[in-house]
Structure formats: C-alpha cells, structure tokens
C-alpha atoms as a PDB file:
ATOM      1  CA  MET A   1     -27.497  -7.425  -8.535  1.00  0.00           C
ATOM      2  CA  SER A   2     -28.184  -4.586  -6.136  1.00  0.00           C
ATOM      3  CA  TYR A   3     -31.658  -5.810  -5.114  1.00  0.00           C
ATOM      4  CA  SER A   4     -33.062  -2.420  -4.311  1.00  0.00           C
ATOM      5  CA  ASN A   5     -32.925  -1.863  -8.132  1.00  0.00           C
ATOM      6  CA  GLN A   6     -35.761  -4.117  -8.873  1.00  0.00           C
ATOM      7  CA  LEU A   7     -37.749  -2.367  -6.037  1.00  0.00           C
ATOM      8  CA  GLN A   8     -37.204   1.264  -8.047  1.00  0.00           C
ATOM      9  CA  THR A   9     -38.376  -0.497 -11.216  1.00  0.00           C
ATOM     10  CA  ASN A  10     -41.649  -1.902  -9.801  1.00  0.00           C
ATOM     11  CA  ILE A  11     -42.321   1.433  -7.752  1.00  0.00           C
ATOM     12  CA  SER A  12     -41.887   3.639 -10.590  1.00  0.00           C
ATOM     13  CA  VAL A  13     -44.571   2.069 -12.426  1.00  0.00           C
ATOM     14  CA  GLU A  14     -46.839   1.970  -9.559  1.00  0.00           C
ATOM     15  CA  LEU A  15     -46.184   5.362  -8.767  1.00  0.00           C
ATOM     16  CA  GLN A  16     -47.898   6.560 -12.064  1.00  0.00           C
ATOM     17  CA  ASP A  17     -51.137   7.223 -10.639  1.00  0.00           C
ATOM     18  CA  GLN A  18     -50.117   8.271  -7.384  1.00  0.00           C
ATOM     19  CA  GLY A  19     -50.066  12.405  -6.354  1.00  0.00           C
ATOM     20  CA  PHE A  20     -46.730  14.306  -5.333  1.00  0.00           C
ATOM     21  CA  LEU A  21     -47.631  14.091  -1.609  1.00  0.00           C
ATOM     22  CA  GLU A  22     -48.043  10.234  -1.864  1.00  0.00           C
ATOM     23  CA  ILE A  23     -44.368  10.348  -3.613  1.00  0.00           C
ATOM     24  CA  MET A  24     -43.110  12.694  -1.019  1.00  0.00           C
ATOM     25  CA  LEU A  25     -44.448  10.672   2.051  1.00  0.00           C
ATOM     26  CA  LEU A  26     -42.770   7.501   0.511  1.00  0.00           C
ATOM     27  CA  SER A  27     -39.650   8.816   0.013  1.00  0.00           C
ATOM     28  CA  ILE A  28     -39.301  10.824   3.338  1.00  0.00           C
ATOM     29  CA  VAL A  29     -40.195   7.184   4.981  1.00  0.00           C
ATOM     30  CA  THR A  30     -37.493   5.601   3.397  1.00  0.00           C
ATOM     31  CA  THR A  31     -34.765   8.628   3.301  1.00  0.00           C
ATOM     32  CA  VAL A  32     -35.104   9.799   6.808  1.00  0.00           C
ATOM     33  CA  PRO A  33     -34.116   6.277   8.643  1.00  0.00           C
ATOM     34  CA  CYS A  34     -31.343   5.672   5.786  1.00  0.00           C
ATOM     35  CA  CYS A  35     -29.776   9.397   6.416  1.00  0.00           C
ATOM     36  CA  VAL A  36     -29.955   8.156  10.292  1.00  0.00           C
ATOM     37  CA  PHE A  37     -28.240   5.013   9.707  1.00  0.00           C
ATOM     38  CA  LEU A  38     -25.598   6.112   7.027  1.00  0.00           C
ATOM     39  CA  PHE A  39     -24.683   9.248   9.597  1.00  0.00           C
ATOM     40  CA  ILE A  40     -24.279   6.430  12.472  1.00  0.00           C
ATOM     41  CA  ASN A  41     -22.428   4.095   9.746  1.00  0.00           C
ATOM     42  CA  VAL A  42     -19.771   6.840   8.454  1.00  0.00           C
ATOM     43  CA  THR A  43     -19.143   7.913  12.061  1.00  0.00           C
ATOM     44  CA  LEU A  44     -18.228   4.483  12.847  1.00  0.00           C
ATOM     45  CA  LEU A  45     -16.385   4.192  10.038  1.00  0.00           C
ATOM     46  CA  PHE A  46     -14.449   7.425  11.032  1.00  0.00           C
ATOM     47  CA  THR A  47     -14.001   5.992  14.566  1.00  0.00           C
ATOM     48  CA  LEU A  48     -12.619   2.824  13.190  1.00  0.00           C
ATOM     49  CA  ARG A  49      -9.673   5.069  11.575  1.00  0.00           C
ATOM     50  CA  SER A  50      -9.000   7.389  14.344  1.00  0.00           C
ATOM     51  CA  LYS A  51      -7.034   5.215  16.810  1.00  0.00           C
ATOM     52  CA  PRO A  52      -4.211   3.047  16.257  1.00  0.00           C
ATOM     53  CA  VAL A  53      -5.460   0.002  18.313  1.00  0.00           C
ATOM     54  CA  PHE A  54      -8.514  -0.194  15.662  1.00  0.00           C
ATOM     55  CA  CYS A  55      -5.984   0.257  12.547  1.00  0.00           C
ATOM     56  CA  ASP A  56      -4.285  -2.731  13.684  1.00  0.00           C
ATOM     57  CA  THR A  57      -6.725  -5.468  15.079  1.00  0.00           C
ATOM     58  CA  SER A  58      -7.980  -7.703  12.457  1.00  0.00           C
ATOM     59  CA  ARG A  59     -11.503  -8.023  13.669  1.00  0.00           C
ATOM     60  CA  TYR A  60     -11.755  -3.930  13.500  1.00  0.00           C
ATOM     61  CA  ILE A  61     -10.472  -4.004   9.963  1.00  0.00           C
ATOM     62  CA  LEU A  62     -12.796  -6.859   8.857  1.00  0.00           C
ATOM     63  CA  LEU A  63     -15.477  -4.527  10.608  1.00  0.00           C
ATOM     64  CA  PHE A  64     -14.475  -1.469   8.652  1.00  0.00           C
ATOM     65  CA  ASN A  65     -14.380  -3.414   5.277  1.00  0.00           C
ATOM     66  CA  LEU A  66     -18.226  -4.601   6.384  1.00  0.00           C
ATOM     67  CA  LEU A  67     -19.329  -1.260   7.316  1.00  0.00           C
ATOM     68  CA  PHE A  68     -17.844   0.343   4.038  1.00  0.00           C
ATOM     69  CA  ALA A  69     -19.533  -2.266   1.760  1.00  0.00           C
ATOM     70  CA  ASP A  70     -23.069  -1.761   3.772  1.00  0.00           C
ATOM     71  CA  SER A  71     -23.168   2.021   3.420  1.00  0.00           C
ATOM     72  CA  VAL A  72     -21.977   2.283  -0.140  1.00  0.00           C
ATOM     73  CA  LEU A  73     -25.005  -0.334  -0.794  1.00  0.00           C
ATOM     74  CA  MET A  74     -27.431   2.009   1.297  1.00  0.00           C
ATOM     75  CA  ALA A  75     -26.509   5.339  -0.392  1.00  0.00           C
ATOM     76  CA  GLU A  76     -26.670   3.716  -3.849  1.00  0.00           C
ATOM     77  CA  GLY A  77     -29.972   1.852  -2.989  1.00  0.00           C
ATOM     78  CA  GLN A  78     -31.607   5.192  -1.632  1.00  0.00           C
ATOM     79  CA  LEU A  79     -29.984   7.433  -4.303  1.00  0.00           C
ATOM     80  CA  MET A  80     -31.680   4.797  -7.151  1.00  0.00           C
ATOM     81  CA  TYR A  81     -35.010   4.571  -4.670  1.00  0.00           C
ATOM     82  CA  ILE A  82     -35.255   8.697  -5.144  1.00  0.00           C
ATOM     83  CA  ILE A  83     -34.553   8.829  -8.376  1.00  0.00           C
ATOM     84  CA  ALA A  84     -37.070   6.046  -9.614  1.00  0.00           C
ATOM     85  CA  ALA A  85     -39.687   7.912  -7.487  1.00  0.00           C
ATOM     86  CA  CYS A  86     -38.940  11.014  -9.527  1.00  0.00           C
ATOM     87  CA  LYS A  87     -39.225   9.238 -12.693  1.00  0.00           C
ATOM     88  CA  ILE A  88     -35.539  10.091 -13.677  1.00  0.00           C
ATOM     89  CA  THR A  89     -34.060   8.580 -16.604  1.00  0.00           C
ATOM     90  CA  MET A  90     -30.457   7.932 -17.231  1.00  0.00           C
ATOM     91  CA  THR A  91     -28.075   6.405 -19.947  1.00  0.00           C
ATOM     92  CA  TYR A  92     -27.409   2.872 -20.214  1.00  0.00           C
ATOM     93  CA  PRO A  93     -23.884   3.327 -19.323  1.00  0.00           C
ATOM     94  CA  VAL A  94     -24.675   4.912 -16.146  1.00  0.00           C
ATOM     95  CA  CYS A  95     -27.250   2.915 -15.121  1.00  0.00           C
ATOM     96  CA  GLY A  96     -25.225  -0.167 -16.009  1.00  0.00           C
ATOM     97  CA  PHE A  97     -22.530   1.159 -13.535  1.00  0.00           C
ATOM     98  CA  LEU A  98     -25.072   1.838 -10.736  1.00  0.00           C
ATOM     99  CA  ASN A  99     -25.936  -1.839 -11.183  1.00  0.00           C
ATOM    100  CA  MET A 100     -22.609  -3.479 -11.074  1.00  0.00           C
ATOM    101  CA  LEU A 101     -21.946  -1.338  -7.751  1.00  0.00           C
ATOM    102  CA  GLY A 102     -24.578  -2.191  -5.833  1.00  0.00           C
ATOM    103  CA  TYR A 103     -24.363  -5.905  -7.161  1.00  0.00           C
ATOM    104  CA  LEU A 104     -20.920  -6.043  -6.095  1.00  0.00           C
ATOM    105  CA  THR A 105     -21.272  -4.241  -2.378  1.00  0.00           C
ATOM    106  CA  ASN A 106     -24.283  -6.595  -2.134  1.00  0.00           C
ATOM    107  CA  LYS A 107     -21.814  -9.611  -2.329  1.00  0.00           C
ATOM    108  CA  ILE A 108     -19.259  -8.152   0.147  1.00  0.00           C
ATOM    109  CA  SER A 109     -20.881  -8.519   3.346  1.00  0.00           C
ATOM    110  CA  PRO A 110     -22.112 -11.872   3.484  1.00  0.00           C
ATOM    111  CA  LEU A 111     -18.099 -12.956   2.603  1.00  0.00           C
ATOM    112  CA  THR A 112     -16.909 -10.518   5.128  1.00  0.00           C
ATOM    113  CA  LEU A 113     -19.185 -12.025   7.602  1.00  0.00           C
ATOM    114  CA  VAL A 114     -18.070 -15.548   6.915  1.00  0.00           C
ATOM    115  CA  VAL A 115     -14.059 -14.213   7.738  1.00  0.00           C
ATOM    116  CA  MET A 116     -15.322 -12.547  10.738  1.00  0.00           C
ATOM    117  CA  CYS A 117     -16.946 -15.805  11.890  1.00  0.00           C
ATOM    118  CA  LEU A 118     -13.743 -17.668  11.030  1.00  0.00           C
ATOM    119  CA  GLU A 119     -11.638 -14.889  13.102  1.00  0.00           C
ATOM    120  CA  ARG A 120     -13.961 -15.513  16.262  1.00  0.00           C
ATOM    121  CA  PHE A 121     -13.464 -19.160  15.804  1.00  0.00           C
ATOM    122  CA  VAL A 122      -9.930 -19.132  15.725  1.00  0.00           C
ATOM    123  CA  ALA A 123      -9.797 -16.418  18.503  1.00  0.00           C
ATOM    124  CA  VAL A 124     -11.718 -19.176  21.131  1.00  0.00           C
ATOM    125  CA  CYS A 125     -10.587 -22.627  19.843  1.00  0.00           C
ATOM    126  CA  TYR A 126      -6.791 -21.799  19.130  1.00  0.00           C
ATOM    127  CA  PRO A 127      -6.209 -18.849  21.365  1.00  0.00           C
ATOM    128  CA  LEU A 128      -2.389 -19.293  21.400  1.00  0.00           C
ATOM    129  CA  ARG A 129      -2.190 -19.600  18.007  1.00  0.00           C
ATOM    130  CA  HIS A 130      -4.671 -16.561  17.286  1.00  0.00           C
ATOM    131  CA  ALA A 131      -1.730 -14.066  16.933  1.00  0.00           C
ATOM    132  CA  ALA A 132       0.110 -15.865  14.493  1.00  0.00           C
ATOM    133  CA  ILE A 133      -2.652 -16.917  12.274  1.00  0.00           C
ATOM    134  CA  ILE A 134      -4.951 -13.614  12.576  1.00  0.00           C
ATOM    135  CA  THR A 135      -2.431 -11.061  11.518  1.00  0.00           C
ATOM    136  CA  VAL A 136      -3.092  -7.681  10.034  1.00  0.00           C
ATOM    137  CA  ARG A 137      -1.108  -8.978   6.811  1.00  0.00           C
ATOM    138  CA  ASN A 138      -3.390 -12.085   6.628  1.00  0.00           C
ATOM    139  CA  THR A 139      -6.640 -10.103   7.216  1.00  0.00           C
ATOM    140  CA  GLY A 140      -5.555  -7.454   4.545  1.00  0.00           C
ATOM    141  CA  VAL A 141      -5.212 -10.824   2.329  1.00  0.00           C
ATOM    142  CA  ALA A 142      -8.516 -12.149   3.418  1.00  0.00           C
ATOM    143  CA  VAL A 143     -10.090  -8.850   2.469  1.00  0.00           C
ATOM    144  CA  CYS A 144      -8.500  -8.508  -1.111  1.00  0.00           C
ATOM    145  CA  VAL A 145      -9.841 -12.159  -1.630  1.00  0.00           C
ATOM    146  CA  VAL A 146     -13.582 -10.842  -0.644  1.00  0.00           C
ATOM    147  CA  TRP A 147     -13.068  -7.974  -3.276  1.00  0.00           C
ATOM    148  CA  ALA A 148     -11.376 -10.094  -5.825  1.00  0.00           C
ATOM    149  CA  PHE A 149     -14.190 -13.209  -5.519  1.00  0.00           C
ATOM    150  CA  SER A 150     -16.843 -10.562  -5.554  1.00  0.00           C
ATOM    151  CA  SER A 151     -15.221  -8.549  -8.427  1.00  0.00           C
ATOM    152  CA  LEU A 152     -15.132 -11.717 -10.325  1.00  0.00           C
ATOM    153  CA  SER A 153     -19.033 -12.185 -10.065  1.00  0.00           C
ATOM    154  CA  VAL A 154     -19.429  -8.643 -11.003  1.00  0.00           C
ATOM    155  CA  PHE A 155     -17.345  -9.143 -13.992  1.00  0.00           C
ATOM    156  CA  ILE A 156     -19.463 -12.284 -15.226  1.00  0.00           C
ATOM    157  CA  GLN A 157     -22.671 -10.219 -14.598  1.00  0.00           C
ATOM    158  CA  GLY A 158     -20.967  -7.365 -16.746  1.00  0.00           C
ATOM    159  CA  LEU A 159     -20.359  -9.846 -19.936  1.00  0.00           C
ATOM    160  CA  LEU A 160     -23.827 -10.947 -19.558  1.00  0.00           C
ATOM    161  CA  MET A 161     -25.296  -7.260 -19.613  1.00  0.00           C
ATOM    162  CA  LEU A 162     -23.229  -6.670 -23.024  1.00  0.00           C
ATOM    163  CA  LYS A 163     -25.249  -9.021 -24.624  1.00  0.00           C
ATOM    164  CA  PHE A 164     -28.042  -6.209 -24.748  1.00  0.00           C
ATOM    165  CA  PRO A 165     -28.576  -5.084 -28.244  1.00  0.00           C
ATOM    166  CA  PHE A 166     -27.246  -1.516 -27.776  1.00  0.00           C
ATOM    167  CA  ALA A 167     -26.264  -1.516 -31.539  1.00  0.00           C
ATOM    168  CA  GLU A 168     -30.020  -1.477 -32.163  1.00  0.00           C
ATOM    169  CA  LEU A 169     -30.885   1.739 -30.276  1.00  0.00           C
ATOM    170  CA  GLU A 170     -31.227   4.781 -31.464  1.00  0.00           C
ATOM    171  CA  SER A 171     -29.764   6.799 -28.424  1.00  0.00           C
ATOM    172  CA  LEU A 172     -28.060   5.297 -25.281  1.00  0.00           C
ATOM    173  CA  GLN A 173     -30.828   7.540 -23.275  1.00  0.00           C
ATOM    174  CA  MET A 174     -33.252   5.134 -21.314  1.00  0.00           C
ATOM    175  CA  ASN A 175     -37.021   5.478 -21.647  1.00  0.00           C
ATOM    176  CA  ASP A 176     -37.626   4.297 -18.377  1.00  0.00           C
ATOM    177  CA  VAL A 177     -36.248   4.298 -15.081  1.00  0.00           C
ATOM    178  CA  CYS A 178     -32.824   2.539 -14.309  1.00  0.00           C
ATOM    179  CA  GLY A 179     -33.320  -1.273 -13.290  1.00  0.00           C
ATOM    180  CA  LYS A 180     -31.331  -4.538 -14.111  1.00  0.00           C
ATOM    181  CA  ALA A 181     -34.336  -5.755 -15.937  1.00  0.00           C
ATOM    182  CA  ASN A 182     -34.101  -3.098 -18.494  1.00  0.00           C
ATOM    183  CA  THR A 183     -30.470  -3.658 -19.420  1.00  0.00           C
ATOM    184  CA  MET A 184     -30.144  -7.553 -19.135  1.00  0.00           C
ATOM    185  CA  PHE A 185     -32.902  -9.897 -20.767  1.00  0.00           C
ATOM    186  CA  ASP A 186     -30.578 -12.824 -21.244  1.00  0.00           C
ATOM    187  CA  PRO A 187     -32.064 -15.811 -19.063  1.00  0.00           C
ATOM    188  CA  ILE A 188     -28.644 -17.187 -18.039  1.00  0.00           C
ATOM    189  CA  ALA A 189     -28.114 -13.931 -15.890  1.00  0.00           C
ATOM    190  CA  ALA A 190     -31.279 -14.479 -13.807  1.00  0.00           C
ATOM    191  CA  ASP A 191     -29.896 -18.395 -13.643  1.00  0.00           C
ATOM    192  CA  TYR A 192     -26.400 -17.195 -12.936  1.00  0.00           C
ATOM    193  CA  ASP A 193     -27.938 -14.787 -10.214  1.00  0.00           C
ATOM    194  CA  LYS A 194     -29.781 -17.505  -8.431  1.00  0.00           C
ATOM    195  CA  VAL A 195     -26.878 -20.339  -8.570  1.00  0.00           C
ATOM    196  CA  TYR A 196     -24.456 -17.992  -7.120  1.00  0.00           C
ATOM    197  CA  ASN A 197     -26.829 -16.380  -4.284  1.00  0.00           C
ATOM    198  CA  SER A 198     -27.530 -19.897  -3.180  1.00  0.00           C
ATOM    199  CA  ILE A 199     -24.106 -21.308  -3.413  1.00  0.00           C
ATOM    200  CA  LEU A 200     -23.367 -18.104  -1.188  1.00  0.00           C
ATOM    201  CA  PHE A 201     -25.892 -19.003   0.773  1.00  0.00           C
ATOM    202  CA  VAL A 202     -25.097 -22.335   1.759  1.00  0.00           C
ATOM    203  CA  LEU A 203     -21.305 -21.721   2.091  1.00  0.00           C
ATOM    204  CA  ALA A 204     -21.719 -18.965   4.241  1.00  0.00           C
ATOM    205  CA  GLY A 205     -24.416 -20.622   6.720  1.00  0.00           C
ATOM    206  CA  VAL A 206     -22.077 -23.761   6.973  1.00  0.00           C
ATOM    207  CA  VAL A 207     -18.884 -21.464   7.761  1.00  0.00           C
ATOM    208  CA  THR A 208     -21.154 -19.762  10.570  1.00  0.00           C
ATOM    209  CA  ILE A 209     -22.835 -22.510  12.168  1.00  0.00           C
ATOM    210  CA  SER A 210     -19.902 -24.560  12.200  1.00  0.00           C
ATOM    211  CA  SER A 211     -17.971 -21.805  13.810  1.00  0.00           C
ATOM    212  CA  TYR A 212     -20.728 -21.798  16.214  1.00  0.00           C
ATOM    213  CA  ILE A 213     -20.370 -25.461  17.242  1.00  0.00           C
ATOM    214  CA  GLY A 214     -16.704 -25.274  17.426  1.00  0.00           C
ATOM    215  CA  VAL A 215     -17.203 -22.290  19.770  1.00  0.00           C
ATOM    216  CA  MET A 216     -19.607 -24.209  21.826  1.00  0.00           C
ATOM    217  CA  ILE A 217     -17.492 -27.094  22.039  1.00  0.00           C
ATOM    218  CA  ALA A 218     -14.633 -24.870  23.030  1.00  0.00           C
ATOM    219  CA  ALA A 219     -16.609 -23.697  26.027  1.00  0.00           C
ATOM    220  CA  ARG A 220     -16.596 -26.969  27.614  1.00  0.00           C
ATOM    221  CA  SER A 221     -12.689 -27.107  27.867  1.00  0.00           C
ATOM    222  CA  ALA A 222     -11.605 -26.147  31.139  1.00  0.00           C
ATOM    223  CA  SER A 223      -8.567 -24.312  29.516  1.00  0.00           C
ATOM    224  CA  THR A 224     -11.315 -22.047  27.483  1.00  0.00           C
ATOM    225  CA  ASP A 225     -12.062 -18.458  29.095  1.00  0.00           C
ATOM    226  CA  LYS A 226     -15.703 -18.779  29.402  1.00  0.00           C
ATOM    227  CA  ALA A 227     -16.438 -15.004  29.098  1.00  0.00           C
ATOM    228  CA  SER A 228     -14.788 -15.010  25.888  1.00  0.00           C
ATOM    229  CA  ALA A 229     -16.305 -18.106  24.479  1.00  0.00           C
ATOM    230  CA  ARG A 230     -19.385 -16.675  25.700  1.00  0.00           C
ATOM    231  CA  LYS A 231     -19.262 -13.712  23.874  1.00  0.00           C
ATOM    232  CA  ALA A 232     -17.856 -15.247  20.680  1.00  0.00           C
ATOM    233  CA  ARG A 233     -21.027 -17.511  20.911  1.00  0.00           C
ATOM    234  CA  ASN A 234     -23.378 -14.622  20.943  1.00  0.00           C
ATOM    235  CA  THR A 235     -21.305 -12.566  18.293  1.00  0.00           C
ATOM    236  CA  LEU A 236     -21.570 -15.790  15.891  1.00  0.00           C
ATOM    237  CA  LEU A 237     -25.596 -15.725  16.651  1.00  0.00           C
ATOM    238  CA  LEU A 238     -25.487 -12.274  15.593  1.00  0.00           C
ATOM    239  CA  HIS A 239     -23.704 -12.734  12.494  1.00  0.00           C
ATOM    240  CA  LEU A 240     -26.094 -15.593  11.427  1.00  0.00           C
ATOM    241  CA  VAL A 241     -28.775 -13.022  11.793  1.00  0.00           C
ATOM    242  CA  GLN A 242     -26.854 -10.351   9.776  1.00  0.00           C
ATOM    243  CA  LEU A 243     -26.037 -13.224   7.095  1.00  0.00           C
ATOM    244  CA  GLY A 244     -29.812 -14.267   6.567  1.00  0.00           C
ATOM    245  CA  LEU A 245     -30.796 -10.383   6.384  1.00  0.00           C
ATOM    246  CA  SER A 246     -27.992  -9.708   4.094  1.00  0.00           C
ATOM    247  CA  LEU A 247     -28.999 -12.629   2.047  1.00  0.00           C
ATOM    248  CA  SER A 248     -32.839 -11.694   2.174  1.00  0.00           C
ATOM    249  CA  SER A 249     -32.485 -10.499  -1.453  1.00  0.00           C
ATOM    250  CA  THR A 250     -33.557 -14.417  -2.594  1.00  0.00           C
ATOM    251  CA  VAL A 251     -36.970 -13.973  -0.958  1.00  0.00           C
ATOM    252  CA  TYR A 252     -37.756 -10.297  -1.551  1.00  0.00           C
ATOM    253  CA  ASN A 253     -38.693 -10.303  -4.835  1.00  0.00           C
ATOM    254  CA  PRO A 254     -40.859 -13.488  -4.411  1.00  0.00           C
ATOM    255  CA  LEU A 255     -42.245 -11.936  -1.778  1.00  0.00           C
ATOM    256  CA  LEU A 256     -43.383  -8.661  -3.361  1.00  0.00           C
ATOM    257  CA  VAL A 257     -44.566 -11.072  -6.122  1.00  0.00           C
ATOM    258  CA  SER A 258     -46.906 -12.824  -3.600  1.00  0.00           C
ATOM    259  CA  ILE A 259     -48.069  -9.633  -2.006  1.00  0.00           C
ATOM    260  CA  SER A 260     -48.999  -7.819  -5.315  1.00  0.00           C
ATOM    261  CA  GLU A 261     -51.156 -10.405  -6.217  1.00  0.00           C
ATOM    262  CA  ASN A 262     -53.796  -9.821  -3.516  1.00  0.00           C
ATOM    263  CA  LEU A 263     -53.173  -6.191  -3.030  1.00  0.00           C
ATOM    264  CA  ASN A 264     -54.245  -3.188  -5.093  1.00  0.00           C
ATOM    265  CA  SER A 265     -51.620  -1.147  -6.478  1.00  0.00           C
ATOM    266  CA  VAL A 266     -51.956   1.964  -3.999  1.00  0.00           C
ATOM    267  CA  ILE A 267     -51.588  -0.436  -0.977  1.00  0.00           C
ATOM    268  CA  PHE A 268     -49.082  -2.403  -2.568  1.00  0.00           C
ATOM    269  CA  VAL A 269     -46.629   0.790  -2.939  1.00  0.00           C
ATOM    270  CA  ARG A 270     -46.765   1.530   0.679  1.00  0.00           C
ATOM    271  CA  ILE A 271     -46.045  -2.154   1.613  1.00  0.00           C
ATOM    272  CA  GLN A 272     -42.956  -2.068  -0.681  1.00  0.00           C
ATOM    273  CA  GLY A 273     -41.887   0.934   1.049  1.00  0.00           C
ATOM    274  CA  VAL A 274     -41.888  -0.506   4.481  1.00  0.00           C
ATOM    275  CA  ILE A 275     -40.423  -3.914   3.044  1.00  0.00           C
ATOM    276  CA  TYR A 276     -37.426  -1.953   1.722  1.00  0.00           C
ATOM    277  CA  VAL A 277     -37.083  -0.299   4.707  1.00  0.00           C
ATOM    278  CA  CYS A 278     -36.925  -3.655   6.965  1.00  0.00           C
ATOM    279  CA  ILE A 279     -35.108  -5.942   4.228  1.00  0.00           C
ATOM    280  CA  ILE A 280     -32.735  -3.279   2.932  1.00  0.00           C
ATOM    281  CA  ILE A 281     -31.903  -0.672   5.255  1.00  0.00           C
ATOM    282  CA  LEU A 282     -32.394  -2.148   8.649  1.00  0.00           C
ATOM    283  CA  PRO A 283     -29.748  -4.946   7.967  1.00  0.00           C
ATOM    284  CA  ARG A 284     -27.101  -2.376   6.896  1.00  0.00           C
ATOM    285  CA  CYS A 285     -27.085  -0.902  10.022  1.00  0.00           C
ATOM    286  CA  LEU A 286     -26.862  -3.759  12.156  1.00  0.00           C
ATOM    287  CA  SER A 287     -23.322  -3.984  12.075  1.00  0.00           C
ATOM    288  CA  ALA A 288     -23.066  -0.519  13.626  1.00  0.00           C
ATOM    289  CA  LEU A 289     -25.402  -1.113  16.358  1.00  0.00           C
ATOM    290  CA  ILE A 290     -23.820  -4.479  17.319  1.00  0.00           C
ATOM    291  CA  TYR A 291     -20.308  -3.547  17.340  1.00  0.00           C
ATOM    292  CA  GLY A 292     -21.117   0.292  18.336  1.00  0.00           C
ATOM    293  CA  LEU A 293     -22.934  -0.628  21.556  1.00  0.00           C
ATOM    294  CA  ARG A 294     -21.578  -4.116  22.498  1.00  0.00           C
ATOM    295  CA  ASP A 295     -17.525  -3.560  22.009  1.00  0.00           C
ATOM    296  CA  GLN A 296     -16.378  -2.122  25.351  1.00  0.00           C
ATOM    297  CA  THR A 297     -13.387  -0.372  22.822  1.00  0.00           C
ATOM    298  CA  ILE A 298     -15.494   1.296  20.568  1.00  0.00           C
ATOM    299  CA  ARG A 299     -18.532   2.411  22.115  1.00  0.00           C
ATOM    300  CA  PRO A 300     -16.963   5.331  24.404  1.00  0.00           C
ATOM    301  CA  VAL A 301     -15.156   6.574  21.179  1.00  0.00           C
ATOM    302  CA  LEU A 302     -18.072   6.158  19.099  1.00  0.00           C
ATOM    303  CA  MET A 303     -20.419   7.874  21.379  1.00  0.00           C
ATOM    304  CA  TYR A 304     -17.923  10.569  21.590  1.00  0.00           C
ATOM    305  CA  ASN A 305     -17.575  11.219  17.794  1.00  0.00           C
ATOM    306  CA  LEU A 306     -21.832  10.720  17.579  1.00  0.00           C
ATOM    307  CA  CYS A 307     -22.054  13.592  20.298  1.00  0.00           C
ATOM    308  CA  CYS A 308     -19.611  15.931  18.077  1.00  0.00           C
ATOM    309  CA  GLN A 309     -17.125  15.372  20.450  1.00  0.00           C
ATOM    310  CA  ARG A 310     -19.147  16.489  23.596  1.00  0.00           C
ATOM    311  CA  PHE A 311     -18.935  12.968  25.252  1.00  0.00           C
ATOM    312  CA  SER A 312     -20.108  14.046  28.839  1.00  0.00           C
ATOM    313  CA  PRO A 313     -21.379  17.518  29.978  1.00  0.00           C
ATOM    314  CA  LEU A 314     -20.000  16.752  33.292  1.00  0.00           C
ATOM    315  CA  LEU A 315     -16.317  16.226  31.796  1.00  0.00           C
ATOM    316  CA  SER A 316     -14.124  18.247  30.566  1.00  0.00           C
ATOM    317  CA  VAL A 317     -12.649  17.641  26.979  1.00  0.00           C
ATOM    318  CA  ALA A 318      -9.254  16.750  28.200  1.00  0.00           C
ATOM    319  CA  GLN A 319     -10.638  14.553  30.616  1.00  0.00           C
ATOM    320  CA  THR A 320     -13.018  12.703  28.326  1.00  0.00           C
ATOM    321  CA  LYS A 321     -10.363  12.414  25.876  1.00  0.00           C
ATOM    322  CA  ALA A 322      -8.176  11.081  28.430  1.00  0.00           C
ATOM    323  CA  LYS A 323     -10.764   8.456  29.586  1.00  0.00           C
ATOM    324  CA  ILE A 324     -11.252   7.432  25.850  1.00  0.00           C
ATOM    325  CA  ASN A 325      -7.462   7.087  25.363  1.00  0.00           C
ATOM    326  CA  LYS A 326      -7.080   4.851  28.514  1.00  0.00           C
ATOM    327  CA  LEU A 327     -10.329   2.507  27.532  1.00  0.00           C
ATOM    328  CA  VAL A 328      -8.283   1.841  23.765  1.00  0.00           C
ATOM    329  CA  THR A 329      -4.645   1.745  24.875  1.00  0.00           C
END
C-alpha cells in the first residue's frame, strides 16, 4: 500500500488539537523538501529524454522507470499529506484510486532496482555478451514485466477492497480523511501485504547481494576491467541502501507505534513529520543524486538543465552545448 497514507490517517487525528500555525509549519517542513526533490527528479526525467544516448542505453531506460515511479509516489504521498493536514474528505472511489496508485508505484521501485542490479552484474561478469543480452528490447520487456507484476498485486488488493460494505453506506462521501484503514477492514489484506513485502524484500536482497558477490569475484579476474568492476561494486552497494530504504514501510508503522506509546501527541506529530521526510521523501531522491552526480554522462546535461540552460557563465551557449554533445556521444 502507499505507506504515506497511513501517516495521513494518524496525523489527521493528532492534528485536531493543533492550531493553524502548527499545521502550516508541519506542512512546510514536508512540502519544501518534497518540491525541491520533485524538481530535481522531473529535471532528470527530462534529461533522460533529451539525448539519444539516454534513450538507447538500457541502464538509463531503467533509471527513467525508477525515477518516474519514485516521483509519482512522492507527489501522491505529499498530496495525501496536505489533504489530511487540512482535514479534507473525499469519496470512497477517489480514495481507493489514490491508495492503489500509491501501492503500485511503491512496488515498482524495488523491482526496478533488482533489474538494475542484474544489468550491472551482466556488464561486469559477462562483458562480451552484455550487448547481446541487455538490449533495448529486452530492457523494455523487463520494464513491462515489472509493471505487470506490480499491477497484479494491486489488482489483488483491489479485490480485497471490494469486500468493503459500500451497499450499507448512505453516501460514498467519506466522513474521515482518506486512508487504507478506512476502506479495507478485511484482515486478509493486512496479511497479504505483509507476506508480499517479506517475499519482495528477501527476493530483492538475495539478488542484490548475489550480484555484488559475483562482481567481487569477477573483479579478481585478470581479464576484468578493474575500474568498471569497482564502479559496479559501489553502484550495487548504493542499490542495496536504496532497496532497504524503499522497503522501509515494513518497519515504518511499528516504529510510529513504538514512538507514540512513549510521547505525548504534540511531540509525536512533530517527530512523525521528521520520520516522514527521512523515510518517505529522502529515499525517493537518492536515484537522482546517485546517478545525477556520479554518472559522468548525465551530470553535465543535468546541471545544464537544472541551471535553466545556463551551464557556465564563462562559456557561451554554443560552447556549452558543444561540450555536452561531446560528452554524450
């Protein structure tokens, strides 16, 4: 599920006793970094479609898919946060759609990271076969499989949501803010979510660690490019960190429950906002930072776009474009 939605349900109850200023401050703390990172992500998405080299390279196609899912999830989560903070209610169908959208994009990220780890493994361990295995067509198939597998999980969640007694309601307008807890009371849904997250975490972790071990073994071979192996190893380590943060929803709610038992409601709401930024927002910007700053091909084009096509005050526009075109060709 969209784990930010559970935050919205909890925070809406706690904010009943908070003043307007408190609500504004909490919203600013979450909205400002979210908008900054969304701007960076959207700029990088534009960058990845601005040059043919990005559109025809598998790892950049996978990065685009990862960034797209993270950006949608971040925007949807922040929208739900603001709606809950302002105590705005909506209809059950709209709430259900937003829940499913968040659930879908939340599952895309770890699965895409798994495919990206496999791509790096093949690049280092089978460099001569990399061009034949990791083609644009095969990458497109992998992306479609990721979306299909995630959509199947969302479809199952949607079927469980239909068990909600809508026929007994006088109106489809909700009396409380939107949250999965308000539309899904079937215990099977919670059990299914736990099992799915556990399987996904184990599968993704095994693939990432196995890829890292394979790269380490290949790095000892005399025929392997040492620099390429070292970069792949560092990338896989970063992917492992990303994976852990992306699946942090498995410990997010128990962490909030543990904190709420030891603190009063006012302090709890403030800490809740900080945890939301650290666990929900920050992991969704790691991809842009990792690839935007580390990748020598993306970095100059990204900086050029972030600076609104004012890459360097010492170079003319023509010189700047020529420099970028030289780097990406």
